[in-house]
Amino acid sequence: MIYLTLVFLPSLGAGEITLILLIILIFFGAKKIPELAKGFGRGIREFKDATKEVKKEIEDGVDDTK
């Protein structure tokens, strides 16, 4: 996750990332963060599954035309 942040925002340093994480901790609280992470993980998993399904349909369509 931090890697993705660094890819999209390369000018962020360790101090800025720490500050952002601290603000998230203060804003949401320690009890809410695991729930948010779990929901984020589910969303990513569903996105990957949908991507795989679309890729499979495209490959099957290409195979049908041959």
N, C-alpha and C. Protein backbone atom coordinates (compact mmCIF):
# COMPACT_ATOMS: atom_id res chain seq x y z
N MET A 1 0.83 -1.18 0.00
CA MET A 1 0.00 0.00 0.00
C MET A 1 0.87 1.25 0.00
N ILE A 2 1.90 1.25 0.80
CA ILE A 2 2.80 2.39 0.83
C ILE A 2 3.49 2.52 -0.52
N TYR A 3 3.81 1.38 -1.16
CA TYR A 3 4.44 1.41 -2.47
C TYR A 3 3.54 2.13 -3.47
N LEU A 4 2.23 1.82 -3.45
CA LEU A 4 1.30 2.49 -4.36
C LEU A 4 1.27 3.98 -4.10
N THR A 5 1.32 4.37 -2.84
CA THR A 5 1.33 5.79 -2.50
C THR A 5 2.57 6.45 -3.07
N LEU A 6 3.69 5.78 -2.97
CA LEU A 6 4.93 6.36 -3.47
C LEU A 6 4.94 6.43 -4.99
N VAL A 7 4.25 5.50 -5.65
CA VAL A 7 4.19 5.53 -7.11
C VAL A 7 3.36 6.71 -7.58
N PHE A 8 2.22 6.94 -6.95
CA PHE A 8 1.33 8.00 -7.39
C PHE A 8 1.76 9.37 -6.86
N LEU A 9 2.40 9.43 -5.73
CA LEU A 9 2.84 10.69 -5.15
C LEU A 9 4.31 10.59 -4.78
N PRO A 10 5.19 10.64 -5.76
CA PRO A 10 6.61 10.41 -5.48
C PRO A 10 7.27 11.49 -4.62
N SER A 11 6.63 12.65 -4.47
CA SER A 11 7.26 13.70 -3.69
C SER A 11 7.00 13.55 -2.18
N LEU A 12 6.21 12.56 -1.79
CA LEU A 12 5.96 12.34 -0.36
C LEU A 12 7.14 11.62 0.27
N GLY A 13 7.58 12.14 1.39
CA GLY A 13 8.64 11.50 2.13
C GLY A 13 8.07 10.70 3.29
N ALA A 14 8.95 10.11 4.07
CA ALA A 14 8.51 9.30 5.21
C ALA A 14 7.77 10.14 6.24
N GLY A 15 8.22 11.37 6.44
CA GLY A 15 7.56 12.25 7.41
C GLY A 15 6.14 12.59 7.01
N GLU A 16 5.93 12.86 5.73
CA GLU A 16 4.58 13.18 5.25
C GLU A 16 3.65 11.99 5.36
N ILE A 17 4.16 10.80 5.02
CA ILE A 17 3.34 9.58 5.11
C ILE A 17 2.99 9.31 6.57
N THR A 18 3.95 9.50 7.47
CA THR A 18 3.68 9.30 8.89
C THR A 18 2.62 10.29 9.38
N LEU A 19 2.71 11.52 8.95
CA LEU A 19 1.72 12.52 9.34
C LEU A 19 0.33 12.15 8.83
N ILE A 20 0.24 11.69 7.61
CA ILE A 20 -1.06 11.28 7.06
C ILE A 20 -1.62 10.11 7.85
N LEU A 21 -0.80 9.11 8.15
CA LEU A 21 -1.26 7.97 8.94
C LEU A 21 -1.70 8.39 10.33
N LEU A 22 -1.00 9.33 10.94
CA LEU A 22 -1.36 9.83 12.26
C LEU A 22 -2.71 10.55 12.21
N ILE A 23 -2.93 11.34 11.19
CA ILE A 23 -4.21 12.04 11.04
C ILE A 23 -5.34 11.04 10.85
N ILE A 24 -5.10 10.00 10.06
CA ILE A 24 -6.12 8.96 9.87
C ILE A 24 -6.41 8.27 11.20
N LEU A 25 -5.37 7.99 11.97
CA LEU A 25 -5.55 7.35 13.27
C LEU A 25 -6.38 8.24 14.20
N ILE A 26 -6.10 9.51 14.23
CA ILE A 26 -6.85 10.44 15.08
C ILE A 26 -8.29 10.58 14.59
N PHE A 27 -8.47 10.68 13.28
CA PHE A 27 -9.79 10.91 12.71
C PHE A 27 -10.71 9.70 12.89
N PHE A 28 -10.20 8.50 12.59
CA PHE A 28 -11.04 7.30 12.64
C PHE A 28 -10.95 6.55 13.96
N GLY A 29 -9.86 6.68 14.66
CA GLY A 29 -9.69 5.94 15.91
C GLY A 29 -9.09 4.57 15.67
N ALA A 30 -8.48 4.03 16.69
CA ALA A 30 -7.78 2.75 16.56
C ALA A 30 -8.73 1.59 16.33
N LYS A 31 -9.95 1.67 16.82
CA LYS A 31 -10.90 0.56 16.66
C LYS A 31 -11.47 0.50 15.25
N LYS A 32 -11.57 1.60 14.58
CA LYS A 32 -12.20 1.66 13.26
C LYS A 32 -11.24 1.30 12.13
N ILE A 33 -9.95 1.48 12.33
CA ILE A 33 -8.98 1.27 11.26
C ILE A 33 -8.96 -0.18 10.76
N PRO A 34 -8.98 -1.20 11.63
CA PRO A 34 -9.02 -2.58 11.10
C PRO A 34 -10.27 -2.85 10.26
N GLU A 35 -11.40 -2.28 10.64
CA GLU A 35 -12.62 -2.45 9.85
C GLU A 35 -12.47 -1.79 8.49
N LEU A 36 -11.86 -0.60 8.45
CA LEU A 36 -11.64 0.08 7.18
C LEU A 36 -10.68 -0.72 6.30
N ALA A 37 -9.64 -1.25 6.89
CA ALA A 37 -8.67 -2.04 6.13
C ALA A 37 -9.32 -3.32 5.58
N LYS A 38 -10.17 -3.94 6.38
CA LYS A 38 -10.86 -5.14 5.93
C LYS A 38 -11.77 -4.82 4.76
N GLY A 39 -12.50 -3.73 4.84
CA GLY A 39 -13.37 -3.32 3.74
C GLY A 39 -12.58 -2.98 2.49
N PHE A 40 -11.44 -2.32 2.67
CA PHE A 40 -10.57 -1.99 1.55
C PHE A 40 -10.05 -3.26 0.89
N GLY A 41 -9.66 -4.24 1.70
CA GLY A 41 -9.18 -5.53 1.18
C GLY A 41 -10.25 -6.26 0.40
N ARG A 42 -11.48 -6.25 0.92
CA ARG A 42 -12.59 -6.88 0.20
C ARG A 42 -12.83 -6.20 -1.14
N GLY A 43 -12.77 -4.90 -1.14
CA GLY A 43 -12.97 -4.16 -2.38
C GLY A 43 -11.91 -4.50 -3.42
N ILE A 44 -10.67 -4.59 -2.99
CA ILE A 44 -9.59 -4.94 -3.91
C ILE A 44 -9.79 -6.36 -4.43
N ARG A 45 -10.17 -7.28 -3.55
CA ARG A 45 -10.39 -8.67 -3.95
C ARG A 45 -11.52 -8.76 -4.99
N GLU A 46 -12.62 -8.05 -4.75
CA GLU A 46 -13.73 -8.05 -5.71
C GLU A 46 -13.30 -7.46 -7.04
N PHE A 47 -12.51 -6.40 -7.01
CA PHE A 47 -12.01 -5.79 -8.24
C PHE A 47 -11.14 -6.77 -9.02
N LYS A 48 -10.25 -7.48 -8.32
CA LYS A 48 -9.39 -8.46 -8.99
C LYS A 48 -10.22 -9.59 -9.59
N ASP A 49 -11.22 -10.06 -8.84
CA ASP A 49 -12.07 -11.13 -9.36
C ASP A 49 -12.82 -10.68 -10.61
N ALA A 50 -13.34 -9.47 -10.58
CA ALA A 50 -14.05 -8.94 -11.75
C ALA A 50 -13.10 -8.79 -12.93
N THR A 51 -11.89 -8.35 -12.66
CA THR A 51 -10.89 -8.20 -13.73
C THR A 51 -10.56 -9.55 -14.34
N LYS A 52 -10.38 -10.56 -13.50
CA LYS A 52 -10.09 -11.91 -14.01
C LYS A 52 -11.25 -12.43 -14.85
N GLU A 53 -12.47 -12.17 -14.40
CA GLU A 53 -13.66 -12.63 -15.12
C GLU A 53 -13.74 -11.97 -16.50
N VAL A 54 -13.52 -10.67 -16.57
CA VAL A 54 -13.55 -9.96 -17.85
C VAL A 54 -12.45 -10.48 -18.76
N LYS A 55 -11.26 -10.70 -18.21
CA LYS A 55 -10.14 -11.20 -19.00
C LYS A 55 -10.47 -12.58 -19.56
N LYS A 56 -11.09 -13.43 -18.74
CA LYS A 56 -11.46 -14.78 -19.18
C LYS A 56 -12.50 -14.70 -20.29
N GLU A 57 -13.48 -13.83 -20.16
CA GLU A 57 -14.50 -13.67 -21.20
C GLU A 57 -13.88 -13.20 -22.50
N ILE A 58 -12.94 -12.28 -22.43
CA ILE A 58 -12.27 -11.79 -23.64
C ILE A 58 -11.47 -12.93 -24.28
N GLU A 59 -10.73 -13.70 -23.48
CA GLU A 59 -9.96 -14.80 -24.01
C GLU A 59 -10.87 -15.85 -24.63
N ASP A 60 -12.00 -16.14 -23.99
CA ASP A 60 -12.95 -17.11 -24.55
C ASP A 60 -13.54 -16.59 -25.85
N GLY A 61 -13.79 -15.30 -25.94
CA GLY A 61 -14.30 -14.72 -27.17
C GLY A 61 -13.29 -14.81 -28.30
N VAL A 62 -12.03 -14.60 -27.99
CA VAL A 62 -10.98 -14.71 -29.00
C VAL A 62 -10.84 -16.16 -29.45
N ASP A 63 -10.92 -17.10 -28.50
CA ASP A 63 -10.82 -18.52 -28.85
C ASP A 63 -12.00 -18.96 -29.72
N ASP A 64 -13.18 -18.42 -29.48
CA ASP A 64 -14.37 -18.78 -30.25
C ASP A 64 -14.28 -18.32 -31.70
N THR A 65 -13.59 -17.21 -31.92
CA THR A 65 -13.49 -16.68 -33.28
C THR A 65 -12.47 -17.44 -34.13
N LYS A 66 -11.59 -18.20 -33.50
CA LYS A 66 -10.57 -18.96 -34.25
C LYS A 66 -11.13 -20.23 -34.82
